[in-house]
Amino acid sequence: MKSIHPFTLKKSLVFIALIAFPLLSTAHDGHHTKPAWDACKEKVKHDTCSYIMQENKLYAGTCLVISDDLMCIRNQPIKSINK
């Protein structure tokens, strides 16, 4: 069996890391759900908040400062609601 040259292996690992890092780092890139931001428009930090997603999912939490703005951060289980 032919062995891989250590330099080639290092280049391959660096290449994989450079490709994987941007993909993995976007997992915590921010919250892009408008209702979570809107839920705290008329509130102050640490107020309770809630918003509905997918027409029947209630998200409840607390208003916290994210990027100099208030956003509803869910800290309760997601509840299904029937309309």
N, C-alpha and C. Protein backbone atom coordinates (compact mmCIF):
# COMPACT_ATOMS: atom_id res chain seq x y z
N MET A 1 0.84 -1.18 0.00
CA MET A 1 0.00 0.00 0.00
C MET A 1 0.88 1.24 0.00
N LYS A 2 0.54 2.18 -0.81
CA LYS A 2 1.32 3.41 -0.94
C LYS A 2 0.99 4.35 0.21
N SER A 3 1.99 4.92 0.85
CA SER A 3 1.76 5.85 1.96
C SER A 3 1.63 7.27 1.43
N ILE A 4 0.95 8.09 2.20
CA ILE A 4 0.75 9.50 1.83
C ILE A 4 1.91 10.30 2.41
N HIS A 5 2.47 11.15 1.59
CA HIS A 5 3.57 12.01 2.04
C HIS A 5 3.04 12.95 3.11
N PRO A 6 3.75 13.15 4.23
CA PRO A 6 3.27 14.01 5.32
C PRO A 6 2.91 15.43 4.88
N PHE A 7 3.67 15.99 3.94
CA PHE A 7 3.38 17.34 3.46
C PHE A 7 2.03 17.38 2.74
N THR A 8 1.76 16.36 1.94
CA THR A 8 0.49 16.28 1.21
C THR A 8 -0.67 16.13 2.20
N LEU A 9 -0.47 15.33 3.22
CA LEU A 9 -1.50 15.14 4.24
C LEU A 9 -1.78 16.45 4.97
N LYS A 10 -0.74 17.19 5.33
CA LYS A 10 -0.92 18.47 6.02
C LYS A 10 -1.66 19.47 5.13
N LYS A 11 -1.30 19.53 3.86
CA LYS A 11 -1.99 20.45 2.93
C LYS A 11 -3.45 20.07 2.81
N SER A 12 -3.73 18.79 2.76
CA SER A 12 -5.12 18.33 2.66
C SER A 12 -5.91 18.71 3.90
N LEU A 13 -5.33 18.53 5.07
CA LEU A 13 -6.03 18.87 6.30
C LEU A 13 -6.27 20.37 6.42
N VAL A 14 -5.30 21.17 6.01
CA VAL A 14 -5.47 22.62 6.02
C VAL A 14 -6.58 23.03 5.05
N PHE A 15 -6.60 22.44 3.89
CA PHE A 15 -7.64 22.74 2.90
C PHE A 15 -9.02 22.39 3.45
N ILE A 16 -9.15 21.22 4.06
CA ILE A 16 -10.44 20.80 4.63
C ILE A 16 -10.87 21.76 5.74
N ALA A 17 -9.92 22.17 6.58
CA ALA A 17 -10.23 23.10 7.66
C ALA A 17 -10.69 24.46 7.11
N LEU A 18 -10.03 24.93 6.08
CA LEU A 18 -10.41 26.22 5.49
C LEU A 18 -11.80 26.17 4.86
N ILE A 19 -12.17 25.03 4.33
CA ILE A 19 -13.52 24.88 3.75
C ILE A 19 -14.55 24.71 4.86
N ALA A 20 -14.23 23.92 5.87
CA ALA A 20 -15.20 23.59 6.91
C ALA A 20 -15.46 24.74 7.87
N PHE A 21 -14.45 25.53 8.19
CA PHE A 21 -14.62 26.58 9.20
C PHE A 21 -15.73 27.57 8.86
N PRO A 22 -15.76 28.14 7.66
CA PRO A 22 -16.86 29.08 7.37
C PRO A 22 -18.23 28.42 7.43
N LEU A 23 -18.33 27.18 7.05
CA LEU A 23 -19.61 26.50 7.10
C LEU A 23 -20.05 26.27 8.53
N LEU A 24 -19.14 25.87 9.40
CA LEU A 24 -19.47 25.62 10.79
C LEU A 24 -19.72 26.90 11.55
N SER A 25 -19.02 27.95 11.24
CA SER A 25 -19.16 29.20 11.98
C SER A 25 -20.49 29.89 11.71
N THR A 26 -21.15 29.59 10.62
CA THR A 26 -22.45 30.21 10.35
C THR A 26 -23.55 29.64 11.22
N ALA A 27 -23.29 28.56 11.93
CA ALA A 27 -24.30 28.00 12.82
C ALA A 27 -24.67 29.00 13.91
N HIS A 28 -23.74 29.86 14.31
CA HIS A 28 -24.01 30.86 15.32
C HIS A 28 -23.86 32.25 14.73
N ASP A 29 -24.26 32.39 13.51
CA ASP A 29 -24.11 33.64 12.79
C ASP A 29 -25.12 34.69 13.22
N GLY A 30 -26.13 34.29 13.93
CA GLY A 30 -27.14 35.24 14.34
C GLY A 30 -28.52 34.70 14.07
N HIS A 31 -29.47 35.40 14.58
CA HIS A 31 -30.84 34.99 14.46
C HIS A 31 -31.49 35.82 13.37
N HIS A 32 -31.97 35.17 12.36
CA HIS A 32 -32.52 35.89 11.22
C HIS A 32 -34.04 35.81 11.16
N THR A 33 -34.68 35.51 12.30
CA THR A 33 -36.12 35.40 12.33
C THR A 33 -36.72 36.72 12.80
N LYS A 34 -37.38 37.40 11.90
CA LYS A 34 -37.94 38.73 12.20
C LYS A 34 -38.90 38.73 13.39
N PRO A 35 -39.78 37.75 13.55
CA PRO A 35 -40.68 37.77 14.70
C PRO A 35 -39.97 37.79 16.05
N ALA A 36 -38.79 37.18 16.14
CA ALA A 36 -38.04 37.19 17.40
C ALA A 36 -37.57 38.60 17.74
N TRP A 37 -37.22 39.37 16.72
CA TRP A 37 -36.81 40.77 16.94
C TRP A 37 -38.04 41.63 17.24
N ASP A 38 -39.11 41.43 16.47
CA ASP A 38 -40.32 42.23 16.63
C ASP A 38 -40.98 42.04 17.99
N ALA A 39 -40.83 40.87 18.58
CA ALA A 39 -41.48 40.56 19.86
C ALA A 39 -41.00 41.47 20.99
N CYS A 40 -39.85 42.10 20.82
CA CYS A 40 -39.29 42.94 21.89
C CYS A 40 -39.24 44.43 21.52
N LYS A 41 -39.90 44.82 20.45
CA LYS A 41 -39.84 46.22 20.01
C LYS A 41 -40.32 47.20 21.07
N GLU A 42 -41.37 46.86 21.78
CA GLU A 42 -41.96 47.76 22.78
C GLU A 42 -41.61 47.32 24.20
N LYS A 43 -40.53 46.59 24.37
CA LYS A 43 -40.18 46.04 25.68
C LYS A 43 -38.80 46.50 26.12
N VAL A 44 -38.44 46.15 27.34
CA VAL A 44 -37.12 46.43 27.86
C VAL A 44 -36.43 45.11 28.18
N LYS A 45 -35.13 45.20 28.39
CA LYS A 45 -34.33 44.01 28.67
C LYS A 45 -34.91 43.24 29.86
N HIS A 46 -34.98 41.94 29.71
CA HIS A 46 -35.46 40.97 30.70
C HIS A 46 -36.98 40.88 30.78
N ASP A 47 -37.73 41.61 29.94
CA ASP A 47 -39.18 41.41 29.87
C ASP A 47 -39.45 40.05 29.24
N THR A 48 -40.58 39.46 29.61
CA THR A 48 -40.98 38.21 28.95
C THR A 48 -41.51 38.55 27.56
N CYS A 49 -41.39 37.60 26.65
CA CYS A 49 -41.82 37.83 25.28
C CYS A 49 -42.26 36.51 24.66
N SER A 50 -42.95 36.61 23.55
CA SER A 50 -43.35 35.41 22.81
C SER A 50 -43.66 35.81 21.37
N TYR A 51 -43.59 34.82 20.50
CA TYR A 51 -43.94 35.03 19.10
C TYR A 51 -44.33 33.68 18.51
N ILE A 52 -45.05 33.75 17.40
CA ILE A 52 -45.56 32.54 16.74
C ILE A 52 -44.80 32.31 15.45
N MET A 53 -44.42 31.08 15.23
CA MET A 53 -43.76 30.66 13.99
C MET A 53 -44.54 29.49 13.40
N GLN A 54 -44.45 29.33 12.11
CA GLN A 54 -45.06 28.21 11.39
C GLN A 54 -46.56 28.10 11.70
N GLU A 55 -47.20 29.21 12.00
CA GLU A 55 -48.63 29.34 12.23
C GLU A 55 -49.15 28.64 13.49
N ASN A 56 -48.41 27.71 14.08
CA ASN A 56 -48.94 27.01 15.25
C ASN A 56 -47.88 26.69 16.30
N LYS A 57 -46.74 27.34 16.25
CA LYS A 57 -45.68 27.10 17.23
C LYS A 57 -45.45 28.38 18.02
N LEU A 58 -45.66 28.32 19.33
CA LEU A 58 -45.46 29.47 20.20
C LEU A 58 -44.08 29.38 20.84
N TYR A 59 -43.29 30.39 20.61
CA TYR A 59 -41.95 30.50 21.18
C TYR A 59 -42.03 31.55 22.29
N ALA A 60 -41.59 31.21 23.50
CA ALA A 60 -41.65 32.14 24.62
C ALA A 60 -40.27 32.24 25.27
N GLY A 61 -39.95 33.45 25.73
CA GLY A 61 -38.65 33.63 26.34
C GLY A 61 -38.51 34.98 27.00
N THR A 62 -37.32 35.53 26.89
CA THR A 62 -36.96 36.79 27.54
C THR A 62 -36.28 37.70 26.53
N CYS A 63 -36.57 38.98 26.62
CA CYS A 63 -35.90 39.96 25.76
C CYS A 63 -34.48 40.19 26.25
N LEU A 64 -33.52 39.99 25.36
CA LEU A 64 -32.12 40.21 25.67
C LEU A 64 -31.48 41.04 24.57
N VAL A 65 -30.37 41.69 24.90
CA VAL A 65 -29.68 42.54 23.94
C VAL A 65 -28.78 41.68 23.05
N ILE A 66 -29.01 41.77 21.75
CA ILE A 66 -28.21 41.09 20.74
C ILE A 66 -27.87 42.15 19.68
N SER A 67 -26.61 42.35 19.42
CA SER A 67 -26.17 43.33 18.42
C SER A 67 -26.82 44.70 18.64
N ASP A 68 -26.81 45.17 19.86
CA ASP A 68 -27.34 46.49 20.22
C ASP A 68 -28.85 46.62 20.02
N ASP A 69 -29.56 45.52 19.94
CA ASP A 69 -31.01 45.54 19.79
C ASP A 69 -31.60 44.48 20.71
N LEU A 70 -32.87 44.62 21.05
CA LEU A 70 -33.53 43.61 21.86
C LEU A 70 -34.11 42.51 20.97
N MET A 71 -33.99 41.29 21.44
CA MET A 71 -34.50 40.13 20.70
C MET A 71 -35.08 39.14 21.70
N CYS A 72 -36.14 38.47 21.32
CA CYS A 72 -36.76 37.46 22.17
C CYS A 72 -35.95 36.17 22.07
N ILE A 73 -35.31 35.80 23.17
CA ILE A 73 -34.52 34.58 23.24
C ILE A 73 -35.36 33.52 23.94
N ARG A 74 -35.64 32.46 23.22
CA ARG A 74 -36.50 31.40 23.76
C ARG A 74 -35.82 30.69 24.92
N ASN A 75 -36.54 30.59 26.04
CA ASN A 75 -36.04 29.83 27.18
C ASN A 75 -37.12 28.91 27.75
N GLN A 76 -38.17 28.75 26.98
CA GLN A 76 -39.27 27.86 27.34
C GLN A 76 -39.42 26.83 26.22
N PRO A 77 -40.01 25.68 26.53
CA PRO A 77 -40.26 24.70 25.45
C PRO A 77 -41.19 25.30 24.39
N ILE A 78 -41.01 24.90 23.16
CA ILE A 78 -41.88 25.34 22.07
C ILE A 78 -43.23 24.67 22.27
N LYS A 79 -44.31 25.45 22.20
CA LYS A 79 -45.65 24.92 22.41
C LYS A 79 -46.43 24.92 21.11
N SER A 80 -47.13 23.85 20.86
CA SER A 80 -48.04 23.79 19.71
C SER A 80 -49.35 24.42 20.12
N ILE A 81 -49.86 25.27 19.25
CA ILE A 81 -51.14 25.92 19.53
C ILE A 81 -52.11 25.55 18.43
N ASN A 82 -53.36 25.38 18.80
CA ASN A 82 -54.41 25.06 17.81
C ASN A 82 -55.22 26.30 17.55
N LYS A 83 -55.43 26.58 16.29
CA LYS A 83 -56.23 27.76 15.93
C LYS A 83 -57.63 27.35 15.60
